[in-house]
Amino acid sequence: MNSTLEELFYTIENSSVYKEYKKMENILSQDGEIKQLLEEIKSLEKEATYLEYIGDEKYKEIDEEIKKKADILNNKHVYQEYLNKMEEFNNELSASSKMIEKYIEEKV
């Protein structure tokens, strides 16, 4: 069973879908503007969550700022390509997970 799992992980890591996803991830990590936008959005999301938690209505203004930055980000071709590759890879992982579940159900 252990070697079967190792084979599965090896197959996933060497799949073209995974390699394309990692390539896009690497390209994205080197794009300063996208990295900056992602960091700003993450920081603003934390702030908005806290403000909403304490009942401060200012979180609505921050949510609007997040939306504007997310729109800019989503209009970047390289980011859209990354999202597509990530979705393809997640679909592959989901299919693998279903195969594992089916295998376990049949053996148990």
PDB file of N, CA and C in Angstrom:
ATOM      1  N   MET A   1       0.832  -1.198   0.000  1.00  0.00           N
ATOM      2  CA  MET A   1       0.000   0.000   0.000  1.00  0.00           C
ATOM      3  C   MET A   1       0.873   1.257   0.000  1.00  0.00           C
ATOM      4  N   ASN A   2       1.941   1.264   0.822  1.00  0.00           N
ATOM      5  CA  ASN A   2       2.818   2.424   0.900  1.00  0.00           C
ATOM      6  C   ASN A   2       3.449   2.733  -0.450  1.00  0.00           C
ATOM      7  N   SER A   3       3.918   1.692  -1.140  1.00  0.00           N
ATOM      8  CA  SER A   3       4.543   1.930  -2.447  1.00  0.00           C
ATOM      9  C   SER A   3       3.508   2.407  -3.466  1.00  0.00           C
ATOM     10  N   THR A   4       2.262   1.959  -3.311  1.00  0.00           N
ATOM     11  CA  THR A   4       1.204   2.411  -4.205  1.00  0.00           C
ATOM     12  C   THR A   4       0.952   3.898  -4.024  1.00  0.00           C
ATOM     13  N   LEU A   5       0.938   4.358  -2.775  1.00  0.00           N
ATOM     14  CA  LEU A   5       0.771   5.784  -2.513  1.00  0.00           C
ATOM     15  C   LEU A   5       1.953   6.586  -3.044  1.00  0.00           C
ATOM     16  N   GLU A   6       3.142   6.054  -2.866  1.00  0.00           N
ATOM     17  CA  GLU A   6       4.329   6.725  -3.390  1.00  0.00           C
ATOM     18  C   GLU A   6       4.249   6.837  -4.910  1.00  0.00           C
ATOM     19  N   GLU A   7       3.763   5.782  -5.555  1.00  0.00           N
ATOM     20  CA  GLU A   7       3.597   5.818  -7.009  1.00  0.00           C
ATOM     21  C   GLU A   7       2.574   6.879  -7.416  1.00  0.00           C
ATOM     22  N   LEU A   8       1.498   6.967  -6.642  1.00  0.00           N
ATOM     23  CA  LEU A   8       0.475   7.969  -6.927  1.00  0.00           C
ATOM     24  C   LEU A   8       1.056   9.376  -6.819  1.00  0.00           C
ATOM     25  N   PHE A   9       1.783   9.644  -5.718  1.00  0.00           N
ATOM     26  CA  PHE A   9       2.385  10.960  -5.541  1.00  0.00           C
ATOM     27  C   PHE A   9       3.409  11.251  -6.643  1.00  0.00           C
ATOM     28  N   TYR A  10       4.173  10.250  -7.018  1.00  0.00           N
ATOM     29  CA  TYR A  10       5.153  10.410  -8.089  1.00  0.00           C
ATOM     30  C   TYR A  10       4.448  10.761  -9.399  1.00  0.00           C
ATOM     31  N   THR A  11       3.358  10.051  -9.668  1.00  0.00           N
ATOM     32  CA  THR A  11       2.593  10.295 -10.889  1.00  0.00           C
ATOM     33  C   THR A  11       2.031  11.714 -10.899  1.00  0.00           C
ATOM     34  N   ILE A  12       1.504  12.136  -9.772  1.00  0.00           N
ATOM     35  CA  ILE A  12       0.946  13.492  -9.678  1.00  0.00           C
ATOM     36  C   ILE A  12       2.044  14.535  -9.882  1.00  0.00           C
ATOM     37  N   GLU A  13       3.157  14.366  -9.175  1.00  0.00           N
ATOM     38  CA  GLU A  13       4.251  15.335  -9.271  1.00  0.00           C
ATOM     39  C   GLU A  13       4.844  15.415 -10.672  1.00  0.00           C
ATOM     40  N   ASN A  14       4.750  14.350 -11.420  1.00  0.00           N
ATOM     41  CA  ASN A  14       5.326  14.327 -12.754  1.00  0.00           C
ATOM     42  C   ASN A  14       4.294  14.537 -13.859  1.00  0.00           C
ATOM     43  N   SER A  15       3.073  14.826 -13.460  1.00  0.00           N
ATOM     44  CA  SER A  15       2.033  15.070 -14.460  1.00  0.00           C
ATOM     45  C   SER A  15       2.247  16.440 -15.097  1.00  0.00           C
ATOM     46  N   SER A  16       1.821  16.561 -16.331  1.00  0.00           N
ATOM     47  CA  SER A  16       1.955  17.842 -17.030  1.00  0.00           C
ATOM     48  C   SER A  16       1.109  18.918 -16.361  1.00  0.00           C
ATOM     49  N   VAL A  17      -0.032  18.543 -15.813  1.00  0.00           N
ATOM     50  CA  VAL A  17      -0.909  19.510 -15.140  1.00  0.00           C
ATOM     51  C   VAL A  17      -0.196  20.111 -13.929  1.00  0.00           C
ATOM     52  N   TYR A  18       0.448  19.254 -13.125  1.00  0.00           N
ATOM     53  CA  TYR A  18       1.165  19.743 -11.941  1.00  0.00           C
ATOM     54  C   TYR A  18       2.342  20.615 -12.357  1.00  0.00           C
ATOM     55  N   LYS A  19       3.080  20.193 -13.359  1.00  0.00           N
ATOM     56  CA  LYS A  19       4.241  20.955 -13.809  1.00  0.00           C
ATOM     57  C   LYS A  19       3.831  22.323 -14.351  1.00  0.00           C
ATOM     58  N   GLU A  20       2.731  22.378 -15.087  1.00  0.00           N
ATOM     59  CA  GLU A  20       2.242  23.656 -15.602  1.00  0.00           C
ATOM     60  C   GLU A  20       1.782  24.565 -14.462  1.00  0.00           C
ATOM     61  N   TYR A  21       1.128  23.963 -13.473  1.00  0.00           N
ATOM     62  CA  TYR A  21       0.684  24.733 -12.305  1.00  0.00           C
ATOM     63  C   TYR A  21       1.894  25.310 -11.567  1.00  0.00           C
ATOM     64  N   LYS A  22       2.914  24.494 -11.321  1.00  0.00           N
ATOM     65  CA  LYS A  22       4.108  24.961 -10.616  1.00  0.00           C
ATOM     66  C   LYS A  22       4.835  26.032 -11.417  1.00  0.00           C
ATOM     67  N   LYS A  23       4.844  25.880 -12.741  1.00  0.00           N
ATOM     68  CA  LYS A  23       5.469  26.884 -13.601  1.00  0.00           C
ATOM     69  C   LYS A  23       4.764  28.227 -13.444  1.00  0.00           C
ATOM     70  N   MET A  24       3.428  28.212 -13.482  1.00  0.00           N
ATOM     71  CA  MET A  24       2.665  29.440 -13.323  1.00  0.00           C
ATOM     72  C   MET A  24       2.837  30.021 -11.921  1.00  0.00           C
ATOM     73  N   GLU A  25       2.911  29.162 -10.932  1.00  0.00           N
ATOM     74  CA  GLU A  25       3.131  29.613  -9.560  1.00  0.00           C
ATOM     75  C   GLU A  25       4.475  30.349  -9.464  1.00  0.00           C
ATOM     76  N   ASN A  26       5.490  29.812 -10.125  1.00  0.00           N
ATOM     77  CA  ASN A  26       6.809  30.419 -10.122  1.00  0.00           C
ATOM     78  C   ASN A  26       6.791  31.768 -10.845  1.00  0.00           C
ATOM     79  N   ILE A  27       6.130  31.824 -11.992  1.00  0.00           N
ATOM     80  CA  ILE A  27       6.017  33.078 -12.748  1.00  0.00           C
ATOM     81  C   ILE A  27       5.320  34.133 -11.894  1.00  0.00           C
ATOM     82  N   LEU A  28       4.260  33.727 -11.231  1.00  0.00           N
ATOM     83  CA  LEU A  28       3.497  34.642 -10.391  1.00  0.00           C
ATOM     84  C   LEU A  28       4.349  35.167  -9.238  1.00  0.00           C
ATOM     85  N   SER A  29       5.155  34.283  -8.642  1.00  0.00           N
ATOM     86  CA  SER A  29       5.972  34.678  -7.493  1.00  0.00           C
ATOM     87  C   SER A  29       7.044  35.696  -7.882  1.00  0.00           C
ATOM     88  N   GLN A  30       7.344  35.783  -9.171  1.00  0.00           N
ATOM     89  CA  GLN A  30       8.362  36.723  -9.636  1.00  0.00           C
ATOM     90  C   GLN A  30       7.762  38.033 -10.156  1.00  0.00           C
ATOM     91  N   ASP A  31       6.439  38.125 -10.172  1.00  0.00           N
ATOM     92  CA  ASP A  31       5.770  39.333 -10.649  1.00  0.00           C
ATOM     93  C   ASP A  31       5.520  40.257  -9.449  1.00  0.00           C
ATOM     94  N   GLY A  32       6.330  41.297  -9.347  1.00  0.00           N
ATOM     95  CA  GLY A  32       6.266  42.199  -8.196  1.00  0.00           C
ATOM     96  C   GLY A  32       4.915  42.857  -8.003  1.00  0.00           C
ATOM     97  N   GLU A  33       4.282  43.269  -9.098  1.00  0.00           N
ATOM     98  CA  GLU A  33       2.991  43.951  -8.992  1.00  0.00           C
ATOM     99  C   GLU A  33       1.921  43.000  -8.447  1.00  0.00           C
ATOM    100  N   ILE A  34       1.902  41.780  -8.949  1.00  0.00           N
ATOM    101  CA  ILE A  34       0.906  40.801  -8.486  1.00  0.00           C
ATOM    102  C   ILE A  34       1.179  40.430  -7.030  1.00  0.00           C
ATOM    103  N   LYS A  35       2.441  40.219  -6.696  1.00  0.00           N
ATOM    104  CA  LYS A  35       2.783  39.909  -5.300  1.00  0.00           C
ATOM    105  C   LYS A  35       2.324  41.026  -4.374  1.00  0.00           C
ATOM    106  N   GLN A  36       2.551  42.265  -4.780  1.00  0.00           N
ATOM    107  CA  GLN A  36       2.146  43.418  -3.980  1.00  0.00           C
ATOM    108  C   GLN A  36       0.626  43.452  -3.802  1.00  0.00           C
ATOM    109  N   LEU A  37      -0.106  43.238  -4.898  1.00  0.00           N
ATOM    110  CA  LEU A  37      -1.572  43.237  -4.818  1.00  0.00           C
ATOM    111  C   LEU A  37      -2.069  42.145  -3.881  1.00  0.00           C
ATOM    112  N   LEU A  38      -1.499  40.946  -3.995  1.00  0.00           N
ATOM    113  CA  LEU A  38      -1.915  39.836  -3.139  1.00  0.00           C
ATOM    114  C   LEU A  38      -1.645  40.140  -1.668  1.00  0.00           C
ATOM    115  N   GLU A  39      -0.474  40.724  -1.385  1.00  0.00           N
ATOM    116  CA  GLU A  39      -0.140  41.074   0.001  1.00  0.00           C
ATOM    117  C   GLU A  39      -1.079  42.147   0.543  1.00  0.00           C
ATOM    118  N   GLU A  40      -1.381  43.152  -0.295  1.00  0.00           N
ATOM    119  CA  GLU A  40      -2.287  44.216   0.128  1.00  0.00           C
ATOM    120  C   GLU A  40      -3.690  43.674   0.396  1.00  0.00           C
ATOM    121  N   ILE A  41      -4.172  42.823  -0.487  1.00  0.00           N
ATOM    122  CA  ILE A  41      -5.508  42.234  -0.317  1.00  0.00           C
ATOM    123  C   ILE A  41      -5.562  41.410   0.969  1.00  0.00           C
ATOM    124  N   LYS A  42      -4.545  40.602   1.181  1.00  0.00           N
ATOM    125  CA  LYS A  42      -4.509  39.762   2.386  1.00  0.00           C
ATOM    126  C   LYS A  42      -4.513  40.623   3.650  1.00  0.00           C
ATOM    127  N   SER A  43      -3.716  41.665   3.656  1.00  0.00           N
ATOM    128  CA  SER A  43      -3.653  42.559   4.807  1.00  0.00           C
ATOM    129  C   SER A  43      -4.986  43.270   5.028  1.00  0.00           C
ATOM    130  N   LEU A  44      -5.570  43.757   3.945  1.00  0.00           N
ATOM    131  CA  LEU A  44      -6.866  44.440   4.050  1.00  0.00           C
ATOM    132  C   LEU A  44      -7.963  43.489   4.509  1.00  0.00           C
ATOM    133  N   GLU A  45      -7.918  42.241   4.057  1.00  0.00           N
ATOM    134  CA  GLU A  45      -8.922  41.257   4.488  1.00  0.00           C
ATOM    135  C   GLU A  45      -8.833  41.018   5.989  1.00  0.00           C
ATOM    136  N   LYS A  46      -7.612  40.940   6.508  1.00  0.00           N
ATOM    137  CA  LYS A  46      -7.440  40.763   7.955  1.00  0.00           C
ATOM    138  C   LYS A  46      -8.019  41.953   8.712  1.00  0.00           C
ATOM    139  N   GLU A  47      -7.700  43.146   8.216  1.00  0.00           N
ATOM    140  CA  GLU A  47      -8.190  44.349   8.872  1.00  0.00           C
ATOM    141  C   GLU A  47      -9.711  44.425   8.823  1.00  0.00           C
ATOM    142  N   ALA A  48     -10.293  44.141   7.667  1.00  0.00           N
ATOM    143  CA  ALA A  48     -11.752  44.195   7.523  1.00  0.00           C
ATOM    144  C   ALA A  48     -12.433  43.169   8.419  1.00  0.00           C
ATOM    145  N   THR A  49     -11.853  41.987   8.491  1.00  0.00           N
ATOM    146  CA  THR A  49     -12.430  40.939   9.348  1.00  0.00           C
ATOM    147  C   THR A  49     -12.434  41.380  10.804  1.00  0.00           C
ATOM    148  N   TYR A  50     -11.321  41.959  11.237  1.00  0.00           N
ATOM    149  CA  TYR A  50     -11.235  42.430  12.622  1.00  0.00           C
ATOM    150  C   TYR A  50     -12.248  43.545  12.878  1.00  0.00           C
ATOM    151  N   LEU A  51     -12.306  44.510  11.963  1.00  0.00           N
ATOM    152  CA  LEU A  51     -13.232  45.632  12.157  1.00  0.00           C
ATOM    153  C   LEU A  51     -14.682  45.165  12.187  1.00  0.00           C
ATOM    154  N   GLU A  52     -15.003  44.222  11.326  1.00  0.00           N
ATOM    155  CA  GLU A  52     -16.374  43.698  11.338  1.00  0.00           C
ATOM    156  C   GLU A  52     -16.648  42.967  12.651  1.00  0.00           C
ATOM    157  N   TYR A  53     -15.657  42.239  13.131  1.00  0.00           N
ATOM    158  CA  TYR A  53     -15.792  41.494  14.388  1.00  0.00           C
ATOM    159  C   TYR A  53     -16.084  42.424  15.563  1.00  0.00           C
ATOM    160  N   ILE A  54     -15.406  43.580  15.578  1.00  0.00           N
ATOM    161  CA  ILE A  54     -15.615  44.502  16.702  1.00  0.00           C
ATOM    162  C   ILE A  54     -16.782  45.457  16.454  1.00  0.00           C
ATOM    163  N   GLY A  55     -17.451  45.328  15.308  1.00  0.00           N
ATOM    164  CA  GLY A  55     -18.632  46.134  15.024  1.00  0.00           C
ATOM    165  C   GLY A  55     -18.340  47.490  14.409  1.00  0.00           C
ATOM    166  N   ASP A  56     -17.126  47.680  13.914  1.00  0.00           N
ATOM    167  CA  ASP A  56     -16.758  48.951  13.277  1.00  0.00           C
ATOM    168  C   ASP A  56     -17.193  48.914  11.811  1.00  0.00           C
ATOM    169  N   GLU A  57     -18.046  49.838  11.423  1.00  0.00           N
ATOM    170  CA  GLU A  57     -18.592  49.879  10.061  1.00  0.00           C
ATOM    171  C   GLU A  57     -17.540  50.230   9.001  1.00  0.00           C
ATOM    172  N   LYS A  58     -16.359  50.644   9.425  1.00  0.00           N
ATOM    173  CA  LYS A  58     -15.302  50.998   8.477  1.00  0.00           C
ATOM    174  C   LYS A  58     -14.904  49.790   7.616  1.00  0.00           C
ATOM    175  N   TYR A  59     -15.248  48.590   8.071  1.00  0.00           N
ATOM    176  CA  TYR A  59     -14.908  47.395   7.298  1.00  0.00           C
ATOM    177  C   TYR A  59     -15.534  47.452   5.902  1.00  0.00           C
ATOM    178  N   LYS A  60     -16.667  48.140   5.769  1.00  0.00           N
ATOM    179  CA  LYS A  60     -17.331  48.236   4.459  1.00  0.00           C
ATOM    180  C   LYS A  60     -16.476  49.030   3.470  1.00  0.00           C
ATOM    181  N   GLU A  61     -15.831  50.083   3.953  1.00  0.00           N
ATOM    182  CA  GLU A  61     -14.927  50.864   3.103  1.00  0.00           C
ATOM    183  C   GLU A  61     -13.734  50.004   2.670  1.00  0.00           C
ATOM    184  N   ILE A  62     -13.224  49.255   3.594  1.00  0.00           N
ATOM    185  CA  ILE A  62     -12.077  48.400   3.293  1.00  0.00           C
ATOM    186  C   ILE A  62     -12.478  47.298   2.319  1.00  0.00           C
ATOM    187  N   ASP A  63     -13.694  46.770   2.477  1.00  0.00           N
ATOM    188  CA  ASP A  63     -14.188  45.770   1.526  1.00  0.00           C
ATOM    189  C   ASP A  63     -14.231  46.330   0.108  1.00  0.00           C
ATOM    190  N   GLU A  64     -14.595  47.599  -0.024  1.00  0.00           N
ATOM    191  CA  GLU A  64     -14.616  48.236  -1.347  1.00  0.00           C
ATOM    192  C   GLU A  64     -13.202  48.357  -1.913  1.00  0.00           C
ATOM    193  N   GLU A  65     -12.266  48.692  -1.045  1.00  0.00           N
ATOM    194  CA  GLU A  65     -10.868  48.792  -1.471  1.00  0.00           C
ATOM    195  C   GLU A  65     -10.351  47.418  -1.914  1.00  0.00           C
ATOM    196  N   ILE A  66     -10.736  46.388  -1.173  1.00  0.00           N
ATOM    197  CA  ILE A  66     -10.358  45.017  -1.536  1.00  0.00           C
ATOM    198  C   ILE A  66     -10.924  44.673  -2.905  1.00  0.00           C
ATOM    199  N   LYS A  67     -12.178  45.023  -3.125  1.00  0.00           N
ATOM    200  CA  LYS A  67     -12.825  44.724  -4.409  1.00  0.00           C
ATOM    201  C   LYS A  67     -12.081  45.389  -5.566  1.00  0.00           C
ATOM    202  N   LYS A  68     -11.690  46.652  -5.388  1.00  0.00           N
ATOM    203  CA  LYS A  68     -10.955  47.364  -6.436  1.00  0.00           C
ATOM    204  C   LYS A  68      -9.627  46.680  -6.745  1.00  0.00           C
ATOM    205  N   LYS A  69      -8.907  46.295  -5.696  1.00  0.00           N
ATOM    206  CA  LYS A  69      -7.618  45.641  -5.891  1.00  0.00           C
ATOM    207  C   LYS A  69      -7.800  44.247  -6.515  1.00  0.00           C
ATOM    208  N   ALA A  70      -8.857  43.555  -6.110  1.00  0.00           N
ATOM    209  CA  ALA A  70      -9.145  42.232  -6.675  1.00  0.00           C
ATOM    210  C   ALA A  70      -9.504  42.348  -8.157  1.00  0.00           C
ATOM    211  N   ASP A  71     -10.214  43.414  -8.516  1.00  0.00           N
ATOM    212  CA  ASP A  71     -10.547  43.636  -9.930  1.00  0.00           C
ATOM    213  C   ASP A  71      -9.282  43.849 -10.756  1.00  0.00           C
ATOM    214  N   ILE A  72      -8.358  44.630 -10.224  1.00  0.00           N
ATOM    215  CA  ILE A  72      -7.081  44.857 -10.915  1.00  0.00           C
ATOM    216  C   ILE A  72      -6.355  43.527 -11.083  1.00  0.00           C
ATOM    217  N   LEU A  73      -6.301  42.776 -10.009  1.00  0.00           N
ATOM    218  CA  LEU A  73      -5.619  41.474 -10.028  1.00  0.00           C
ATOM    219  C   LEU A  73      -6.259  40.529 -11.039  1.00  0.00           C
ATOM    220  N   ASN A  74      -7.573  40.475 -11.036  1.00  0.00           N
ATOM    221  CA  ASN A  74      -8.290  39.556 -11.926  1.00  0.00           C
ATOM    222  C   ASN A  74      -8.209  39.952 -13.397  1.00  0.00           C
ATOM    223  N   ASN A  75      -7.794  41.178 -13.663  1.00  0.00           N
ATOM    224  CA  ASN A  75      -7.611  41.615 -15.044  1.00  0.00           C
ATOM    225  C   ASN A  75      -6.206  41.328 -15.566  1.00  0.00           C
ATOM    226  N   LYS A  76      -5.370  40.752 -14.738  1.00  0.00           N
ATOM    227  CA  LYS A  76      -4.013  40.378 -15.152  1.00  0.00           C
ATOM    228  C   LYS A  76      -4.070  39.008 -15.823  1.00  0.00           C
ATOM    229  N   HIS A  77      -3.620  38.956 -17.062  1.00  0.00           N
ATOM    230  CA  HIS A  77      -3.655  37.700 -17.830  1.00  0.00           C
ATOM    231  C   HIS A  77      -2.886  36.583 -17.129  1.00  0.00           C
ATOM    232  N   VAL A  78      -1.717  36.892 -16.614  1.00  0.00           N
ATOM    233  CA  VAL A  78      -0.892  35.865 -15.978  1.00  0.00           C
ATOM    234  C   VAL A  78      -1.587  35.310 -14.730  1.00  0.00           C
ATOM    235  N   TYR A  79      -2.317  36.153 -14.010  1.00  0.00           N
ATOM    236  CA  TYR A  79      -3.037  35.687 -12.827  1.00  0.00           C
ATOM    237  C   TYR A  79      -4.199  34.788 -13.227  1.00  0.00           C
ATOM    238  N   GLN A  80      -4.901  35.150 -14.286  1.00  0.00           N
ATOM    239  CA  GLN A  80      -5.993  34.310 -14.780  1.00  0.00           C
ATOM    240  C   GLN A  80      -5.473  32.953 -15.239  1.00  0.00           C
ATOM    241  N   GLU A  81      -4.334  32.968 -15.900  1.00  0.00           N
ATOM    242  CA  GLU A  81      -3.732  31.715 -16.348  1.00  0.00           C
ATOM    243  C   GLU A  81      -3.347  30.848 -15.147  1.00  0.00           C
ATOM    244  N   TYR A  82      -2.803  31.491 -14.113  1.00  0.00           N
ATOM    245  CA  TYR A  82      -2.467  30.776 -12.879  1.00  0.00           C
ATOM    246  C   TYR A  82      -3.721  30.145 -12.264  1.00  0.00           C
ATOM    247  N   LEU A  83      -4.793  30.909 -12.182  1.00  0.00           N
ATOM    248  CA  LEU A  83      -6.041  30.381 -11.607  1.00  0.00           C
ATOM    249  C   LEU A  83      -6.563  29.188 -12.406  1.00  0.00           C
ATOM    250  N   ASN A  84      -6.454  29.271 -13.733  1.00  0.00           N
ATOM    251  CA  ASN A  84      -6.896  28.155 -14.574  1.00  0.00           C
ATOM    252  C   ASN A  84      -6.060  26.902 -14.323  1.00  0.00           C
ATOM    253  N   LYS A  85      -4.741  27.080 -14.223  1.00  0.00           N
ATOM    254  CA  LYS A  85      -3.856  25.939 -13.970  1.00  0.00           C
ATOM    255  C   LYS A  85      -4.105  25.360 -12.582  1.00  0.00           C
ATOM    256  N   MET A  86      -4.362  26.235 -11.615  1.00  0.00           N
ATOM    257  CA  MET A  86      -4.650  25.767 -10.265  1.00  0.00           C
ATOM    258  C   MET A  86      -5.947  24.957 -10.250  1.00  0.00           C
ATOM    259  N   GLU A  87      -6.946  25.421 -10.984  1.00  0.00           N
ATOM    260  CA  GLU A  87      -8.215  24.695 -11.053  1.00  0.00           C
ATOM    261  C   GLU A  87      -8.025  23.324 -11.706  1.00  0.00           C
ATOM    262  N   GLU A  88      -7.259  23.279 -12.783  1.00  0.00           N
ATOM    263  CA  GLU A  88      -6.975  22.000 -13.445  1.00  0.00           C
ATOM    264  C   GLU A  88      -6.279  21.039 -12.486  1.00  0.00           C
ATOM    265  N   PHE A  89      -5.294  21.556 -11.756  1.00  0.00           N
ATOM    266  CA  PHE A  89      -4.563  20.709 -10.811  1.00  0.00           C
ATOM    267  C   PHE A  89      -5.480  20.244  -9.681  1.00  0.00           C
ATOM    268  N   ASN A  90      -6.303  21.144  -9.159  1.00  0.00           N
ATOM    269  CA  ASN A  90      -7.243  20.755  -8.099  1.00  0.00           C
ATOM    270  C   ASN A  90      -8.220  19.690  -8.588  1.00  0.00           C
ATOM    271  N   ASN A  91      -8.642  19.790  -9.842  1.00  0.00           N
ATOM    272  CA  ASN A  91      -9.521  18.769 -10.407  1.00  0.00           C
ATOM    273  C   ASN A  91      -8.812  17.420 -10.478  1.00  0.00           C
ATOM    274  N   GLU A  92      -7.523  17.456 -10.833  1.00  0.00           N
ATOM    275  CA  GLU A  92      -6.742  16.219 -10.878  1.00  0.00           C
ATOM    276  C   GLU A  92      -6.608  15.610  -9.479  1.00  0.00           C
ATOM    277  N   LEU A  93      -6.365  16.456  -8.496  1.00  0.00           N
ATOM    278  CA  LEU A  93      -6.270  15.973  -7.112  1.00  0.00           C
ATOM    279  C   LEU A  93      -7.596  15.397  -6.639  1.00  0.00           C
ATOM    280  N   SER A  94      -8.677  16.047  -7.001  1.00  0.00           N
ATOM    281  CA  SER A  94     -10.003  15.566  -6.621  1.00  0.00           C
ATOM    282  C   SER A  94     -10.280  14.189  -7.225  1.00  0.00           C
ATOM    283  N   ALA A  95      -9.910  14.027  -8.485  1.00  0.00           N
ATOM    284  CA  ALA A  95     -10.103  12.735  -9.144  1.00  0.00           C
ATOM    285  C   ALA A  95      -9.263  11.664  -8.468  1.00  0.00           C
ATOM    286  N   SER A  96      -8.043  12.010  -8.103  1.00  0.00           N
ATOM    287  CA  SER A  96      -7.168  11.059  -7.409  1.00  0.00           C
ATOM    288  C   SER A  96      -7.749  10.690  -6.054  1.00  0.00           C
ATOM    289  N   SER A  97      -8.279  11.679  -5.373  1.00  0.00           N
ATOM    290  CA  SER A  97      -8.882  11.440  -4.064  1.00  0.00           C
ATOM    291  C   SER A  97     -10.078  10.495  -4.179  1.00  0.00           C
ATOM    292  N   LYS A  98     -10.882  10.681  -5.201  1.00  0.00           N
ATOM    293  CA  LYS A  98     -12.039   9.808  -5.414  1.00  0.00           C
ATOM    294  C   LYS A  98     -11.594   8.385  -5.729  1.00  0.00           C
ATOM    295  N   MET A  99     -10.496   8.265  -6.471  1.00  0.00           N
ATOM    296  CA  MET A  99      -9.970   6.931  -6.774  1.00  0.00           C
ATOM    297  C   MET A  99      -9.501   6.233  -5.494  1.00  0.00           C
ATOM    298  N   ILE A 100      -8.859   6.991  -4.611  1.00  0.00           N
ATOM    299  CA  ILE A 100      -8.390   6.432  -3.340  1.00  0.00           C
ATOM    300  C   ILE A 100      -9.586   6.002  -2.493  1.00  0.00           C
ATOM    301  N   GLU A 101     -10.602   6.858  -2.416  1.00  0.00           N
ATOM    302  CA  GLU A 101     -11.809   6.523  -1.647  1.00  0.00           C
ATOM    303  C   GLU A 101     -12.450   5.235  -2.188  1.00  0.00           C
ATOM    304  N   LYS A 102     -12.574   5.153  -3.491  1.00  0.00           N
ATOM    305  CA  LYS A 102     -13.186   3.977  -4.108  1.00  0.00           C
ATOM    306  C   LYS A 102     -12.356   2.738  -3.816  1.00  0.00           C
ATOM    307  N   TYR A 103     -11.053   2.867  -3.901  1.00  0.00           N
ATOM    308  CA  TYR A 103     -10.160   1.747  -3.611  1.00  0.00           C
ATOM    309  C   TYR A 103     -10.338   1.274  -2.176  1.00  0.00           C
ATOM    310  N   ILE A 104     -10.390   2.214  -1.250  1.00  0.00           N
ATOM    311  CA  ILE A 104     -10.544   1.881   0.171  1.00  0.00           C
ATOM    312  C   ILE A 104     -11.897   1.201   0.410  1.00  0.00           C
ATOM    313  N   GLU A 105     -12.949   1.741  -0.184  1.00  0.00           N
ATOM    314  CA  GLU A 105     -14.284   1.163  -0.017  1.00  0.00           C
ATOM    315  C   GLU A 105     -14.330  -0.278  -0.516  1.00  0.00           C
ATOM    316  N   GLU A 106     -13.646  -0.532  -1.630  1.00  0.00           N
ATOM    317  CA  GLU A 106     -13.632  -1.887  -2.198  1.00  0.00           C
ATOM    318  C   GLU A 106     -12.836  -2.856  -1.343  1.00  0.00           C
ATOM    319  N   LYS A 107     -11.802  -2.389  -0.664  1.00  0.00           N
ATOM    320  CA  LYS A 107     -10.919  -3.252   0.103  1.00  0.00           C
ATOM    321  C   LYS A 107     -11.396  -3.439   1.548  1.00  0.00           C
ATOM    322  N   VAL A 108     -12.219  -2.531   2.029  1.00  0.00           N
ATOM    323  CA  VAL A 108     -12.639  -2.618   3.434  1.00  0.00           C
ATOM    324  C   VAL A 108     -13.947  -3.357   3.557  1.00  0.00           C
TER     325      VAL A 108
END
